[in-house]
């Protein structure tokens, strides 16, 4: 893997971990407060995770160049 591809994969995985954090925080606060806005934050986190995984697989398989 070239340096550019490695950096792209790492950035995609950072997006995955940020999505995990958003999903956990959103779900926890939605459970604690019952407010729907926190459920929306959890959904955004789940979408960020999905997008991050898609990017990571794309870059790992040679789509970065």
PDB file of N, CA and C in Angstrom:
ATOM      1  N   UNK A   1       0.847  -1.177   0.000  1.00  0.00           N
ATOM      2  CA  UNK A   1       0.000   0.000   0.000  1.00  0.00           C
ATOM      3  C   UNK A   1       0.891   1.238   0.000  1.00  0.00           C
ATOM      4  N   UNK A   2       0.528   2.191  -0.816  1.00  0.00           N
ATOM      5  CA  UNK A   2       1.301   3.431  -0.851  1.00  0.00           C
ATOM      6  C   UNK A   2       0.972   4.281   0.369  1.00  0.00           C
ATOM      7  N   UNK A   3       1.789   5.312   0.583  1.00  0.00           N
ATOM      8  CA  UNK A   3       1.563   6.204   1.722  1.00  0.00           C
ATOM      9  C   UNK A   3       0.219   6.915   1.619  1.00  0.00           C
ATOM     10  N   UNK A   4      -0.152   7.314   0.407  1.00  0.00           N
ATOM     11  CA  UNK A   4      -1.430   8.001   0.211  1.00  0.00           C
ATOM     12  C   UNK A   4      -2.596   7.090   0.571  1.00  0.00           C
ATOM     13  N   UNK A   5      -2.514   5.840   0.165  1.00  0.00           N
ATOM     14  CA  UNK A   5      -3.574   4.883   0.468  1.00  0.00           C
ATOM     15  C   UNK A   5      -3.641   4.610   1.966  1.00  0.00           C
ATOM     16  N   UNK A   6      -2.489   4.468   2.602  1.00  0.00           N
ATOM     17  CA  UNK A   6      -2.450   4.218   4.041  1.00  0.00           C
ATOM     18  C   UNK A   6      -3.093   5.366   4.805  1.00  0.00           C
ATOM     19  N   UNK A   7      -2.796   6.588   4.419  1.00  0.00           N
ATOM     20  CA  UNK A   7      -3.383   7.762   5.073  1.00  0.00           C
ATOM     21  C   UNK A   7      -4.892   7.791   4.850  1.00  0.00           C
ATOM     22  N   UNK A   8      -5.327   7.462   3.639  1.00  0.00           N
ATOM     23  CA  UNK A   8      -6.761   7.449   3.342  1.00  0.00           C
ATOM     24  C   UNK A   8      -7.491   6.401   4.176  1.00  0.00           C
ATOM     25  N   UNK A   9      -6.897   5.222   4.336  1.00  0.00           N
ATOM     26  CA  UNK A   9      -7.513   4.166   5.142  1.00  0.00           C
ATOM     27  C   UNK A   9      -7.583   4.598   6.598  1.00  0.00           C
ATOM     28  N   UNK A  10      -6.525   5.212   7.094  1.00  0.00           N
ATOM     29  CA  UNK A  10      -6.524   5.670   8.488  1.00  0.00           C
ATOM     30  C   UNK A  10      -7.587   6.736   8.720  1.00  0.00           C
ATOM     31  N   UNK A  11      -7.754   7.634   7.780  1.00  0.00           N
ATOM     32  CA  UNK A  11      -8.799   8.660   7.917  1.00  0.00           C
ATOM     33  C   UNK A  11     -10.189   8.039   7.887  1.00  0.00           C
ATOM     34  N   UNK A  12     -10.370   7.045   7.039  1.00  0.00           N
ATOM     35  CA  UNK A  12     -11.663   6.365   6.982  1.00  0.00           C
ATOM     36  C   UNK A  12     -11.949   5.642   8.295  1.00  0.00           C
ATOM     37  N   UNK A  13     -10.933   5.030   8.882  1.00  0.00           N
ATOM     38  CA  UNK A  13     -11.129   4.346  10.157  1.00  0.00           C
ATOM     39  C   UNK A  13     -11.358   5.339  11.292  1.00  0.00           C
ATOM     40  N   UNK A  14     -10.778   6.526  11.213  1.00  0.00           N
ATOM     41  CA  UNK A  14     -11.086   7.574  12.198  1.00  0.00           C
ATOM     42  C   UNK A  14     -12.561   7.964  12.108  1.00  0.00           C
ATOM     43  N   UNK A  15     -13.085   8.007  10.902  1.00  0.00           N
ATOM     44  CA  UNK A  15     -14.509   8.284  10.721  1.00  0.00           C
ATOM     45  C   UNK A  15     -15.353   7.180  11.357  1.00  0.00           C
ATOM     46  N   UNK A  16     -14.914   5.944  11.226  1.00  0.00           N
ATOM     47  CA  UNK A  16     -15.625   4.820  11.846  1.00  0.00           C
ATOM     48  C   UNK A  16     -15.650   4.996  13.364  1.00  0.00           C
ATOM     49  N   UNK A  17     -14.495   5.294  13.956  1.00  0.00           N
ATOM     50  CA  UNK A  17     -14.436   5.435  15.414  1.00  0.00           C
ATOM     51  C   UNK A  17     -15.222   6.646  15.901  1.00  0.00           C
ATOM     52  N   UNK A  18     -15.226   7.733  15.133  1.00  0.00           N
ATOM     53  CA  UNK A  18     -16.051   8.887  15.491  1.00  0.00           C
ATOM     54  C   UNK A  18     -17.522   8.519  15.423  1.00  0.00           C
ATOM     55  N   UNK A  19     -17.898   7.721  14.435  1.00  0.00           N
ATOM     56  CA  UNK A  19     -19.271   7.254  14.321  1.00  0.00           C
ATOM     57  C   UNK A  19     -19.673   6.368  15.487  1.00  0.00           C
ATOM     58  N   UNK A  20     -18.755   5.528  15.926  1.00  0.00           N
ATOM     59  CA  UNK A  20     -19.030   4.683  17.088  1.00  0.00           C
ATOM     60  C   UNK A  20     -19.268   5.550  18.318  1.00  0.00           C
ATOM     61  N   UNK A  21     -18.415   6.547  18.504  1.00  0.00           N
ATOM     62  CA  UNK A  21     -18.572   7.440  19.657  1.00  0.00           C
ATOM     63  C   UNK A  21     -19.912   8.174  19.603  1.00  0.00           C
ATOM     64  N   UNK A  22     -20.268   8.698  18.428  1.00  0.00           N
ATOM     65  CA  UNK A  22     -21.557   9.386  18.290  1.00  0.00           C
ATOM     66  C   UNK A  22     -22.727   8.449  18.565  1.00  0.00           C
ATOM     67  N   UNK A  23     -22.650   7.244  18.063  1.00  0.00           N
ATOM     68  CA  UNK A  23     -23.737   6.284  18.258  1.00  0.00           C
ATOM     69  C   UNK A  23     -23.899   5.924  19.729  1.00  0.00           C
ATOM     70  N   UNK A  24     -22.792   5.693  20.410  1.00  0.00           N
ATOM     71  CA  UNK A  24     -22.858   5.327  21.830  1.00  0.00           C
ATOM     72  C   UNK A  24     -23.372   6.494  22.666  1.00  0.00           C
ATOM     73  N   UNK A  25     -22.833   7.684  22.420  1.00  0.00           N
ATOM     74  CA  UNK A  25     -23.279   8.855  23.174  1.00  0.00           C
ATOM     75  C   UNK A  25     -24.746   9.154  22.898  1.00  0.00           C
ATOM     76  N   UNK A  26     -25.129   9.118  21.634  1.00  0.00           N
ATOM     77  CA  UNK A  26     -26.518   9.388  21.275  1.00  0.00           C
ATOM     78  C   UNK A  26     -27.483   8.388  21.877  1.00  0.00           C
ATOM     79  N   UNK A  27     -27.133   7.105  21.809  1.00  0.00           N
ATOM     80  CA  UNK A  27     -28.012   6.076  22.363  1.00  0.00           C
ATOM     81  C   UNK A  27     -28.105   6.188  23.885  1.00  0.00           C
ATOM     82  N   UNK A  28     -26.988   6.468  24.514  1.00  0.00           N
ATOM     83  CA  UNK A  28     -26.992   6.611  25.975  1.00  0.00           C
ATOM     84  C   UNK A  28     -27.839   7.790  26.417  1.00  0.00           C
ATOM     85  N   UNK A  29     -27.654   8.926  25.755  1.00  0.00           N
ATOM     86  CA  UNK A  29     -28.428  10.114  26.130  1.00  0.00           C
ATOM     87  C   UNK A  29     -29.904   9.958  25.766  1.00  0.00           C
ATOM     88  N   UNK A  30     -30.214   9.265  24.683  1.00  0.00           N
ATOM     89  CA  UNK A  30     -31.612   9.016  24.320  1.00  0.00           C
ATOM     90  C   UNK A  30     -32.291   8.151  25.379  1.00  0.00           C
ATOM     91  N   UNK A  31     -31.555   7.171  25.889  1.00  0.00           N
ATOM     92  CA  UNK A  31     -32.110   6.316  26.937  1.00  0.00           C
ATOM     93  C   UNK A  31     -32.292   7.096  28.235  1.00  0.00           C
ATOM     94  N   UNK A  32     -31.306   7.926  28.561  1.00  0.00           N
ATOM     95  CA  UNK A  32     -31.353   8.662  29.822  1.00  0.00           C
ATOM     96  C   UNK A  32     -32.400   9.776  29.812  1.00  0.00           C
ATOM     97  N   UNK A  33     -32.520  10.486  28.699  1.00  0.00           N
ATOM     98  CA  UNK A  33     -33.410  11.649  28.674  1.00  0.00           C
ATOM     99  C   UNK A  33     -34.721  11.401  27.956  1.00  0.00           C
ATOM    100  N   UNK A  34     -34.751  10.455  27.047  1.00  0.00           N
ATOM    101  CA  UNK A  34     -35.958  10.188  26.277  1.00  0.00           C
ATOM    102  C   UNK A  34     -36.224  11.195  25.170  1.00  0.00           C
ATOM    103  N   UNK A  35     -35.262  12.071  24.897  1.00  0.00           N
ATOM    104  CA  UNK A  35     -35.452  13.078  23.854  1.00  0.00           C
ATOM    105  C   UNK A  35     -35.067  12.510  22.488  1.00  0.00           C
ATOM    106  N   UNK A  36     -35.905  12.753  21.480  1.00  0.00           N
ATOM    107  CA  UNK A  36     -35.645  12.180  20.152  1.00  0.00           C
ATOM    108  C   UNK A  36     -34.402  12.743  19.460  1.00  0.00           C
ATOM    109  N   UNK A  37     -33.959  13.929  19.851  1.00  0.00           N
ATOM    110  CA  UNK A  37     -32.781  14.502  19.194  1.00  0.00           C
ATOM    111  C   UNK A  37     -31.552  13.612  19.400  1.00  0.00           C
ATOM    112  N   UNK A  38     -31.474  12.947  20.540  1.00  0.00           N
ATOM    113  CA  UNK A  38     -30.325  12.082  20.795  1.00  0.00           C
ATOM    114  C   UNK A  38     -30.393  10.810  19.955  1.00  0.00           C
ATOM    115  N   UNK A  39     -31.617  10.375  19.646  1.00  0.00           N
ATOM    116  CA  UNK A  39     -31.750   9.235  18.732  1.00  0.00           C
ATOM    117  C   UNK A  39     -31.231   9.609  17.350  1.00  0.00           C
ATOM    118  N   UNK A  40     -31.486  10.841  16.952  1.00  0.00           N
ATOM    119  CA  UNK A  40     -30.988  11.315  15.659  1.00  0.00           C
ATOM    120  C   UNK A  40     -29.455  11.338  15.651  1.00  0.00           C
ATOM    121  N   UNK A  41     -28.856  11.737  16.771  1.00  0.00           N
ATOM    122  CA  UNK A  41     -27.391  11.729  16.875  1.00  0.00           C
ATOM    123  C   UNK A  41     -26.869  10.296  16.744  1.00  0.00           C
ATOM    124  N   UNK A  42     -27.557   9.344  17.361  1.00  0.00           N
ATOM    125  CA  UNK A  42     -27.145   7.940  17.256  1.00  0.00           C
ATOM    126  C   UNK A  42     -27.249   7.443  15.818  1.00  0.00           C
ATOM    127  N   UNK A  43     -28.294   7.855  15.117  1.00  0.00           N
ATOM    128  CA  UNK A  43     -28.458   7.448  13.710  1.00  0.00           C
ATOM    129  C   UNK A  43     -27.353   8.045  12.846  1.00  0.00           C
ATOM    130  N   UNK A  44     -27.022   9.298  13.071  1.00  0.00           N
ATOM    131  CA  UNK A  44     -25.923   9.934  12.333  1.00  0.00           C
ATOM    132  C   UNK A  44     -24.616   9.188  12.600  1.00  0.00           C
ATOM    133  N   UNK A  45     -24.410   8.787  13.836  1.00  0.00           N
ATOM    134  CA  UNK A  45     -23.222   8.004  14.174  1.00  0.00           C
ATOM    135  C   UNK A  45     -23.171   6.682  13.429  1.00  0.00           C
ATOM    136  N   UNK A  46     -24.315   6.017  13.346  1.00  0.00           N
ATOM    137  CA  UNK A  46     -24.369   4.742  12.618  1.00  0.00           C
ATOM    138  C   UNK A  46     -24.091   4.955  11.127  1.00  0.00           C
ATOM    139  N   UNK A  47     -24.631   6.025  10.568  1.00  0.00           N
ATOM    140  CA  UNK A  47     -24.363   6.318   9.153  1.00  0.00           C
ATOM    141  C   UNK A  47     -22.889   6.652   8.925  1.00  0.00           C
ATOM    142  N   UNK A  48     -22.286   7.382   9.861  1.00  0.00           N
ATOM    143  CA  UNK A  48     -20.855   7.701   9.743  1.00  0.00           C
ATOM    144  C   UNK A  48     -20.015   6.428   9.786  1.00  0.00           C
ATOM    145  N   UNK A  49     -20.396   5.497  10.666  1.00  0.00           N
ATOM    146  CA  UNK A  49     -19.677   4.219  10.713  1.00  0.00           C
ATOM    147  C   UNK A  49     -19.760   3.494   9.377  1.00  0.00           C
ATOM    148  N   UNK A  50     -20.958   3.415   8.842  1.00  0.00           N
ATOM    149  CA  UNK A  50     -21.159   2.716   7.569  1.00  0.00           C
ATOM    150  C   UNK A  50     -20.341   3.359   6.455  1.00  0.00           C
ATOM    151  N   UNK A  51     -20.411   4.684   6.370  1.00  0.00           N
ATOM    152  CA  UNK A  51     -19.668   5.399   5.345  1.00  0.00           C
ATOM    153  C   UNK A  51     -18.162   5.201   5.519  1.00  0.00           C
ATOM    154  N   UNK A  52     -17.698   5.228   6.762  1.00  0.00           N
ATOM    155  CA  UNK A  52     -16.277   5.016   7.034  1.00  0.00           C
ATOM    156  C   UNK A  52     -15.804   3.635   6.625  1.00  0.00           C
ATOM    157  N   UNK A  53     -16.624   2.605   6.922  1.00  0.00           N
ATOM    158  CA  UNK A  53     -16.242   1.250   6.520  1.00  0.00           C
ATOM    159  C   UNK A  53     -16.216   1.105   5.007  1.00  0.00           C
ATOM    160  N   UNK A  54     -17.195   1.703   4.342  1.00  0.00           N
ATOM    161  CA  UNK A  54     -17.217   1.631   2.873  1.00  0.00           C
ATOM    162  C   UNK A  54     -15.966   2.290   2.300  1.00  0.00           C
ATOM    163  N   UNK A  55     -15.602   3.452   2.819  1.00  0.00           N
ATOM    164  CA  UNK A  55     -14.386   4.131   2.350  1.00  0.00           C
ATOM    165  C   UNK A  55     -13.137   3.302   2.638  1.00  0.00           C
ATOM    166  N   UNK A  56     -13.048   2.740   3.832  1.00  0.00           N
ATOM    167  CA  UNK A  56     -11.862   1.958   4.195  1.00  0.00           C
ATOM    168  C   UNK A  56     -11.692   0.764   3.265  1.00  0.00           C
ATOM    169  N   UNK A  57     -12.784   0.057   2.991  1.00  0.00           N
ATOM    170  CA  UNK A  57     -12.702  -1.101   2.087  1.00  0.00           C
ATOM    171  C   UNK A  57     -12.354  -0.641   0.674  1.00  0.00           C
ATOM    172  N   UNK A  58     -12.951   0.463   0.255  1.00  0.00           N
ATOM    173  CA  UNK A  58     -12.674   1.002  -1.084  1.00  0.00           C
ATOM    174  C   UNK A  58     -11.193   1.345  -1.234  1.00  0.00           C
ATOM    175  N   UNK A  59     -10.638   2.043  -0.265  1.00  0.00           N
ATOM    176  CA  UNK A  59      -9.231   2.438  -0.354  1.00  0.00           C
ATOM    177  C   UNK A  59      -8.305   1.240  -0.219  1.00  0.00           C
ATOM    178  N   UNK A  60      -8.650   0.286   0.621  1.00  0.00           N
ATOM    179  CA  UNK A  60      -7.802  -0.884   0.832  1.00  0.00           C
ATOM    180  C   UNK A  60      -7.723  -1.743  -0.419  1.00  0.00           C
ATOM    181  N   UNK A  61      -8.783  -1.749  -1.210  1.00  0.00           N
ATOM    182  CA  UNK A  61      -8.804  -2.581  -2.421  1.00  0.00           C
ATOM    183  C   UNK A  61      -8.255  -1.874  -3.648  1.00  0.00           C
ATOM    184  N   UNK A  62      -7.692  -0.702  -3.471  1.00  0.00           N
ATOM    185  CA  UNK A  62      -7.032  -0.050  -4.592  1.00  0.00           C
ATOM    186  C   UNK A  62      -7.797   1.081  -5.228  1.00  0.00           C
ATOM    187  N   UNK A  63      -8.817   1.588  -4.587  1.00  0.00           N
ATOM    188  CA  UNK A  63      -9.594   2.659  -5.173  1.00  0.00           C
ATOM    189  C   UNK A  63      -9.107   4.050  -4.843  1.00  0.00           C
ATOM    190  N   UNK A  64      -7.971   4.166  -4.142  1.00  0.00           N
ATOM    191  CA  UNK A  64      -7.502   5.479  -3.723  1.00  0.00           C
ATOM    192  C   UNK A  64      -6.737   6.217  -4.800  1.00  0.00           C
ATOM    193  N   UNK A  65      -6.224   5.506  -5.767  1.00  0.00           N
ATOM    194  CA  UNK A  65      -5.363   6.148  -6.741  1.00  0.00           C
ATOM    195  C   UNK A  65      -6.112   6.629  -7.899  1.00  0.00           C
TER     196      UNK A  65
END
